[in-house]
Amino acid sequence: MASDVFVARLNSGAPGRRGFLNWLLGAWAAGVAGSILYPVIRYLIPPEIPEASTQSVNAGKASALALNSGRIVPFGSVPAILVRTAAGDYRAFSATCTHLACTVQYRPDLEHIWCACHNGHYDLTGRNIAGPPPRPLEAYQVNVANDELIVSKKP
């Protein structure tokens, strides 16, 4: 008789205590897994934050940059190199090498821009003249106003 009640309950499709507890345990496990996986996924895939595009920067005093010298100045998220030639002209370029994105520097002994990573050389127009860089440096415009150097992107 007890087996008849058990078989009738199985055939009726009504969930019992065990089914309810299994569902409750599954919902709890899904909640725990979600609360662990969500922060991990958000950490591994950070949100995209648009970068503010910098069009010009103040690169300091013109009188502070000696003849035949150069310095690195921040230009947004990438550095720029500001060069004062032996003739006194000011030139500015992206300071990121076009080969493997190393930071370039000015070599006064060679009178050109040099990348130390793989011995890449650029002339004072930004054109690559030796080494592995595949293309020239991006040139920027330099203006002097009240002894201040303003470096800006070319239009």
Protein backbone atom coordinates (compact mmCIF):
# COMPACT_ATOMS: atom_id res chain seq x y z
CA MET A 1 0.00 0.00 0.00
CA ALA A 2 2.77 2.41 0.82
CA SER A 3 4.40 1.53 -2.47
CA ASP A 4 1.16 2.35 -4.28
CA VAL A 5 1.18 5.85 -2.74
CA PHE A 6 4.82 6.31 -3.75
CA VAL A 7 4.15 5.21 -7.34
CA ALA A 8 1.08 7.43 -7.52
CA ARG A 9 3.06 10.41 -6.35
CA LEU A 10 5.80 9.73 -8.90
CA ASN A 11 3.28 9.48 -11.72
CA SER A 12 1.36 12.60 -10.69
CA GLY A 13 4.26 14.90 -11.60
CA ALA A 14 3.95 16.90 -8.38
CA PRO A 15 7.36 17.95 -7.09
CA GLY A 16 8.31 16.61 -3.75
CA ARG A 17 10.56 17.96 -1.07
CA ARG A 18 13.63 16.46 -2.67
CA GLY A 19 12.92 18.16 -6.03
CA PHE A 20 12.35 21.49 -4.34
CA LEU A 21 15.60 21.17 -2.37
CA ASN A 22 17.49 20.21 -5.53
CA TRP A 23 16.10 23.27 -7.31
CA LEU A 24 16.98 25.49 -4.34
CA LEU A 25 20.52 24.08 -4.19
CA GLY A 26 20.96 24.62 -7.95
CA ALA A 27 19.77 28.24 -7.71
CA TRP A 28 22.17 28.86 -4.80
CA ALA A 29 25.10 27.34 -6.74
CA ALA A 30 24.28 29.46 -9.79
CA GLY A 31 24.20 32.59 -7.60
CA VAL A 32 27.56 31.78 -6.01
CA ALA A 33 29.14 31.02 -9.41
CA GLY A 34 27.74 34.26 -10.86
CA SER A 35 28.99 36.34 -7.94
CA ILE A 36 32.49 34.89 -8.41
CA LEU A 37 32.66 34.95 -12.21
CA TYR A 38 31.22 38.45 -12.77
CA PRO A 39 34.08 40.38 -11.08
CA VAL A 40 36.67 38.12 -12.70
CA ILE A 41 35.23 38.76 -16.16
CA ARG A 42 34.95 42.53 -15.49
CA TYR A 43 38.62 42.50 -14.43
CA LEU A 44 39.79 40.60 -17.50
CA ILE A 45 37.72 42.70 -19.93
CA PRO A 46 37.92 46.30 -18.65
CA PRO A 47 35.48 48.90 -19.93
CA GLU A 48 36.53 51.01 -22.89
CA ILE A 49 37.28 54.56 -21.82
CA PRO A 50 37.64 56.96 -24.71
CA GLU A 51 40.88 58.90 -24.62
CA ALA A 52 40.66 62.65 -24.81
CA SER A 53 42.43 63.71 -27.97
CA THR A 54 45.16 66.21 -27.25
CA GLN A 55 45.66 68.75 -29.99
CA SER A 56 48.38 70.91 -28.39
CA VAL A 57 50.56 71.09 -25.30
CA ASN A 58 52.81 73.64 -23.66
CA ALA A 59 56.35 72.24 -23.90
CA GLY A 60 58.04 74.76 -21.62
CA LYS A 61 60.28 77.77 -22.11
CA ALA A 62 61.99 78.21 -25.48
CA SER A 63 65.05 79.68 -23.79
CA ALA A 64 65.46 76.52 -21.67
CA LEU A 65 66.13 74.31 -24.71
CA ALA A 66 69.77 74.68 -25.78
CA LEU A 67 70.99 74.54 -29.38
CA ASN A 68 71.50 71.00 -30.74
CA SER A 69 69.45 69.35 -27.99
CA GLY A 70 66.13 67.64 -27.50
CA ARG A 71 63.73 66.60 -24.79
CA ILE A 72 60.72 64.37 -24.35
CA VAL A 73 57.41 66.08 -23.53
CA PRO A 74 54.08 64.44 -22.69
CA PHE A 75 51.54 64.72 -25.49
CA GLY A 76 48.33 63.05 -24.37
CA SER A 77 48.95 59.37 -23.77
CA VAL A 78 52.04 59.23 -26.00
CA PRO A 79 55.30 61.17 -25.66
CA ALA A 80 56.57 63.72 -28.16
CA ILE A 81 60.16 64.68 -28.81
CA LEU A 82 61.03 68.35 -29.12
CA VAL A 83 64.30 69.15 -30.87
CA ARG A 84 66.19 72.40 -31.28
CA THR A 85 68.57 72.05 -34.21
CA ALA A 86 72.09 73.47 -34.36
CA ALA A 87 70.69 76.26 -36.56
CA GLY A 88 68.12 77.16 -33.86
CA ASP A 89 64.97 75.76 -35.50
CA TYR A 90 62.42 73.91 -33.38
CA ARG A 91 61.04 70.54 -34.54
CA ALA A 92 58.64 68.15 -32.83
CA PHE A 93 57.68 64.56 -33.60
CA SER A 94 55.96 61.63 -32.01
CA ALA A 95 58.54 60.04 -29.71
CA THR A 96 57.23 56.55 -30.39
CA CYS A 97 59.38 54.52 -32.80
CA THR A 98 57.43 53.15 -35.74
CA HIS A 99 59.19 49.79 -35.45
CA LEU A 100 58.23 48.45 -32.02
CA ALA A 101 56.91 51.56 -30.20
CA CYS A 102 60.03 52.26 -28.13
CA THR A 103 60.68 55.85 -27.06
CA VAL A 104 63.20 57.63 -29.27
CA GLN A 105 65.76 60.21 -28.19
CA TYR A 106 67.80 62.98 -29.76
CA ARG A 107 71.51 62.29 -30.27
CA PRO A 108 73.43 65.59 -30.44
CA ASP A 109 76.60 63.80 -31.58
CA LEU A 110 74.80 62.39 -34.65
CA GLU A 111 72.40 65.34 -34.98
CA HIS A 112 69.42 63.10 -35.51
CA ILE A 113 66.79 61.10 -33.63
CA TRP A 114 67.75 57.62 -32.52
CA CYS A 115 65.84 54.60 -31.21
CA ALA A 116 67.94 52.58 -28.79
CA CYS A 117 65.82 49.41 -29.00
CA HIS A 118 66.96 48.27 -32.45
CA ASN A 119 69.28 51.09 -33.58
CA GLY A 120 66.72 52.94 -35.69
CA HIS A 121 67.69 56.38 -37.00
CA TYR A 122 65.49 59.31 -38.10
CA ASP A 123 66.64 62.59 -39.63
CA LEU A 124 65.39 65.97 -38.40
CA THR A 125 62.40 65.83 -40.74
CA GLY A 126 61.23 62.60 -39.05
CA ARG A 127 62.13 60.39 -42.02
CA ASN A 128 63.66 57.01 -41.20
CA ILE A 129 67.22 56.85 -42.54
CA ALA A 130 68.64 53.65 -41.00
CA GLY A 131 67.61 50.59 -39.06
CA PRO A 132 64.35 48.67 -39.01
CA PRO A 133 61.70 51.44 -38.64
CA PRO A 134 59.22 50.99 -41.53
CA ARG A 135 57.86 54.56 -41.71
CA PRO A 136 58.68 58.09 -40.58
CA LEU A 137 57.76 59.67 -37.26
CA GLU A 138 54.58 61.74 -37.11
CA ALA A 139 55.58 65.41 -37.31
CA TYR A 140 54.05 68.05 -35.06
CA GLN A 141 53.94 71.81 -35.43
CA VAL A 142 55.97 74.02 -33.05
CA ASN A 143 55.04 77.63 -32.30
CA VAL A 144 56.88 80.05 -30.01
CA ALA A 145 54.72 82.59 -28.17
CA ASN A 146 56.14 84.77 -25.35
CA ASP A 147 59.10 82.40 -24.90
CA GLU A 148 56.69 79.43 -24.54
CA LEU A 149 56.90 76.43 -26.88
CA ILE A 150 53.51 75.19 -28.07
CA VAL A 151 53.54 71.77 -29.75
CA SER A 152 50.40 70.90 -31.71
CA LYS A 153 49.22 68.34 -34.22
CA LYS A 154 49.36 69.42 -37.83
CA PRO A 155 45.93 70.03 -39.40
